[in-house]
Amino acid sequence: MTNTVRLNELIRKSGLKKGWIAEKLHLSCYGFRRKLWNKSQFKAGEIKLLCELLGIVSLEEMCDIFFNDKVDKKTT
């Protein structure tokens, strides 16, 4: 599951707009929002591009954000 809180924090800090990020990922704003809120999963290519856009270079950080089994659905 995606750690939505952490991903939103990185997006906010980056100054990038979610609509722009969605466009770069070839997603609609709705499609990006669904993935952000764990209604569907990010594909490997989308994760790679998000890491590039947001400056995520650590494998540990990437796993913490995109492959976090400890995320409680109530906090995402």
N, C-alpha and C. Protein backbone atom coordinates (compact mmCIF):
# COMPACT_ATOMS: atom_id res chain seq x y z
N MET A 1 0.83 -1.19 0.00
CA MET A 1 0.00 0.00 0.00
C MET A 1 0.87 1.24 0.00
N THR A 2 0.35 2.28 -0.57
CA THR A 2 1.05 3.55 -0.61
C THR A 2 0.87 4.29 0.71
N ASN A 3 1.96 4.83 1.21
CA ASN A 3 1.91 5.67 2.40
C ASN A 3 1.49 7.06 1.92
N THR A 4 0.20 7.29 1.89
CA THR A 4 -0.37 8.51 1.34
C THR A 4 0.10 9.76 2.09
N VAL A 5 0.18 9.67 3.38
CA VAL A 5 0.59 10.82 4.19
C VAL A 5 2.00 11.25 3.78
N ARG A 6 2.92 10.29 3.70
CA ARG A 6 4.31 10.60 3.34
C ARG A 6 4.42 11.09 1.91
N LEU A 7 3.70 10.47 0.98
CA LEU A 7 3.75 10.89 -0.41
C LEU A 7 3.19 12.29 -0.58
N ASN A 8 2.07 12.59 0.06
CA ASN A 8 1.51 13.94 0.00
C ASN A 8 2.48 14.97 0.58
N GLU A 9 3.18 14.60 1.63
CA GLU A 9 4.16 15.50 2.25
C GLU A 9 5.28 15.81 1.26
N LEU A 10 5.78 14.80 0.56
CA LEU A 10 6.84 15.02 -0.42
C LEU A 10 6.36 15.86 -1.60
N ILE A 11 5.14 15.64 -2.04
CA ILE A 11 4.57 16.43 -3.13
C ILE A 11 4.46 17.89 -2.70
N ARG A 12 3.97 18.12 -1.49
CA ARG A 12 3.83 19.48 -0.98
C ARG A 12 5.19 20.17 -0.91
N LYS A 13 6.20 19.47 -0.37
CA LYS A 13 7.54 20.04 -0.24
C LYS A 13 8.19 20.32 -1.59
N SER A 14 7.84 19.51 -2.60
CA SER A 14 8.44 19.69 -3.92
C SER A 14 7.93 20.94 -4.62
N GLY A 15 6.73 21.37 -4.24
CA GLY A 15 6.12 22.53 -4.90
C GLY A 15 5.42 22.18 -6.21
N LEU A 16 5.44 20.90 -6.58
CA LEU A 16 4.79 20.47 -7.80
C LEU A 16 3.28 20.33 -7.57
N LYS A 17 2.53 20.60 -8.60
CA LYS A 17 1.07 20.47 -8.52
C LYS A 17 0.68 19.04 -8.87
N LYS A 18 -0.32 18.52 -8.17
CA LYS A 18 -0.76 17.14 -8.41
C LYS A 18 -1.26 16.95 -9.83
N GLY A 19 -1.91 17.94 -10.38
CA GLY A 19 -2.39 17.85 -11.76
C GLY A 19 -1.24 17.71 -12.75
N TRP A 20 -0.15 18.44 -12.51
CA TRP A 20 1.02 18.37 -13.36
C TRP A 20 1.67 16.99 -13.24
N ILE A 21 1.77 16.49 -12.01
CA ILE A 21 2.35 15.16 -11.79
C ILE A 21 1.50 14.11 -12.50
N ALA A 22 0.19 14.20 -12.37
CA ALA A 22 -0.71 13.25 -13.04
C ALA A 22 -0.48 13.26 -14.54
N GLU A 23 -0.33 14.45 -15.11
CA GLU A 23 -0.08 14.58 -16.54
C GLU A 23 1.22 13.89 -16.94
N LYS A 24 2.27 14.09 -16.14
CA LYS A 24 3.57 13.45 -16.42
C LYS A 24 3.47 11.93 -16.34
N LEU A 25 2.58 11.43 -15.49
CA LEU A 25 2.38 9.99 -15.33
C LEU A 25 1.39 9.43 -16.35
N HIS A 26 0.87 10.32 -17.22
CA HIS A 26 -0.15 9.95 -18.22
C HIS A 26 -1.40 9.42 -17.53
N LEU A 27 -1.78 10.07 -16.43
CA LEU A 27 -2.98 9.73 -15.68
C LEU A 27 -3.90 10.94 -15.66
N SER A 28 -5.19 10.69 -15.50
CA SER A 28 -6.10 11.79 -15.23
C SER A 28 -5.91 12.19 -13.77
N CYS A 29 -6.38 13.36 -13.41
CA CYS A 29 -6.31 13.77 -12.00
C CYS A 29 -7.04 12.77 -11.12
N TYR A 30 -8.17 12.29 -11.61
CA TYR A 30 -8.95 11.29 -10.86
C TYR A 30 -8.16 9.99 -10.71
N GLY A 31 -7.53 9.54 -11.78
CA GLY A 31 -6.74 8.31 -11.73
C GLY A 31 -5.57 8.43 -10.77
N PHE A 32 -4.90 9.59 -10.77
CA PHE A 32 -3.79 9.81 -9.84
C PHE A 32 -4.29 9.81 -8.41
N ARG A 33 -5.41 10.47 -8.18
CA ARG A 33 -5.99 10.53 -6.83
C ARG A 33 -6.37 9.13 -6.33
N ARG A 34 -6.91 8.30 -7.21
CA ARG A 34 -7.26 6.92 -6.83
C ARG A 34 -6.03 6.14 -6.38
N LYS A 35 -4.93 6.32 -7.09
CA LYS A 35 -3.70 5.63 -6.73
C LYS A 35 -3.12 6.20 -5.45
N LEU A 36 -3.19 7.50 -5.31
CA LEU A 36 -2.68 8.16 -4.12
C LEU A 36 -3.41 7.69 -2.87
N TRP A 37 -4.71 7.43 -2.99
CA TRP A 37 -5.52 7.03 -1.84
C TRP A 37 -5.76 5.52 -1.79
N ASN A 38 -4.90 4.74 -2.46
CA ASN A 38 -4.93 3.27 -2.38
C ASN A 38 -6.21 2.63 -2.91
N LYS A 39 -6.85 3.26 -3.86
CA LYS A 39 -8.01 2.65 -4.51
C LYS A 39 -7.55 1.81 -5.69
N SER A 40 -6.36 2.11 -6.21
CA SER A 40 -5.68 1.28 -7.20
C SER A 40 -4.18 1.44 -6.96
N GLN A 41 -3.38 0.59 -7.60
CA GLN A 41 -1.95 0.57 -7.31
C GLN A 41 -1.15 1.30 -8.38
N PHE A 42 -0.04 1.92 -7.94
CA PHE A 42 0.89 2.52 -8.88
C PHE A 42 1.61 1.41 -9.62
N LYS A 43 1.86 1.60 -10.92
CA LYS A 43 2.65 0.68 -11.72
C LYS A 43 4.13 1.01 -11.51
N ALA A 44 4.99 0.06 -11.84
CA ALA A 44 6.43 0.22 -11.63
C ALA A 44 6.97 1.47 -12.33
N GLY A 45 6.56 1.71 -13.56
CA GLY A 45 7.01 2.89 -14.29
C GLY A 45 6.56 4.19 -13.64
N GLU A 46 5.37 4.18 -13.08
CA GLU A 46 4.84 5.37 -12.40
C GLU A 46 5.63 5.64 -11.13
N ILE A 47 5.97 4.58 -10.41
CA ILE A 47 6.77 4.72 -9.19
C ILE A 47 8.14 5.28 -9.54
N LYS A 48 8.74 4.76 -10.59
CA LYS A 48 10.06 5.23 -11.02
C LYS A 48 10.02 6.72 -11.35
N LEU A 49 9.03 7.14 -12.12
CA LEU A 49 8.91 8.54 -12.50
C LEU A 49 8.62 9.42 -11.30
N LEU A 50 7.75 8.96 -10.41
CA LEU A 50 7.46 9.73 -9.19
C LEU A 50 8.73 9.92 -8.36
N CYS A 51 9.54 8.88 -8.25
CA CYS A 51 10.79 9.00 -7.51
C CYS A 51 11.69 10.04 -8.14
N GLU A 52 11.77 10.06 -9.47
CA GLU A 52 12.58 11.06 -10.16
C GLU A 52 12.04 12.46 -9.93
N LEU A 53 10.73 12.63 -10.06
CA LEU A 53 10.12 13.95 -9.91
C LEU A 53 10.25 14.49 -8.49
N LEU A 54 10.16 13.60 -7.51
CA LEU A 54 10.16 14.02 -6.11
C LEU A 54 11.53 13.90 -5.44
N GLY A 55 12.52 13.46 -6.18
CA GLY A 55 13.87 13.36 -5.64
C GLY A 55 14.05 12.24 -4.63
N ILE A 56 13.30 11.18 -4.79
CA ILE A 56 13.43 10.01 -3.91
C ILE A 56 14.56 9.15 -4.49
N VAL A 57 15.68 9.09 -3.77
CA VAL A 57 16.84 8.34 -4.28
C VAL A 57 17.12 7.09 -3.45
N SER A 58 16.61 7.04 -2.26
CA SER A 58 16.86 5.93 -1.36
C SER A 58 15.86 4.80 -1.62
N LEU A 59 16.38 3.60 -1.79
CA LEU A 59 15.52 2.43 -1.96
C LEU A 59 14.65 2.23 -0.73
N GLU A 60 15.21 2.50 0.43
CA GLU A 60 14.46 2.38 1.68
C GLU A 60 13.27 3.34 1.72
N GLU A 61 13.50 4.58 1.30
CA GLU A 61 12.42 5.57 1.29
C GLU A 61 11.35 5.19 0.27
N MET A 62 11.79 4.72 -0.91
CA MET A 62 10.84 4.30 -1.93
C MET A 62 9.96 3.16 -1.41
N CYS A 63 10.58 2.19 -0.78
CA CYS A 63 9.82 1.06 -0.24
C CYS A 63 8.88 1.51 0.88
N ASP A 64 9.34 2.44 1.70
CA ASP A 64 8.51 2.95 2.79
C ASP A 64 7.27 3.65 2.25
N ILE A 65 7.40 4.30 1.12
CA ILE A 65 6.27 5.05 0.55
C ILE A 65 5.35 4.15 -0.28
N PHE A 66 5.92 3.34 -1.16
CA PHE A 66 5.10 2.62 -2.13
C PHE A 66 4.80 1.17 -1.80
N PHE A 67 5.52 0.59 -0.85
CA PHE A 67 5.32 -0.82 -0.52
C PHE A 67 5.19 -1.01 0.98
N ASN A 68 4.40 -0.18 1.61
CA ASN A 68 4.31 -0.16 3.05
C ASN A 68 3.10 -0.98 3.51
N ASP A 69 3.36 -2.16 4.03
CA ASP A 69 2.28 -3.02 4.52
C ASP A 69 1.75 -2.56 5.87
N LYS A 70 2.47 -1.66 6.53
CA LYS A 70 2.07 -1.21 7.86
C LYS A 70 1.14 -0.01 7.82
N VAL A 71 0.81 0.48 6.62
CA VAL A 71 -0.06 1.64 6.49
C VAL A 71 -1.47 1.25 6.90
N ASP A 72 -2.02 2.00 7.79
CA ASP A 72 -3.40 1.80 8.22
C ASP A 72 -4.30 2.56 7.27
N LYS A 73 -5.33 1.91 6.74
CA LYS A 73 -6.22 2.58 5.78
C LYS A 73 -6.85 3.83 6.38
N LYS A 74 -6.97 3.90 7.68
CA LYS A 74 -7.57 5.07 8.30
C LYS A 74 -6.66 6.29 8.21
N THR A 75 -5.35 6.08 8.07
CA THR A 75 -4.42 7.19 8.01
C THR A 75 -4.07 7.59 6.60
N THR A 76 -4.56 6.85 5.60
CA THR A 76 -4.24 7.19 4.21
C THR A 76 -5.33 7.94 3.53
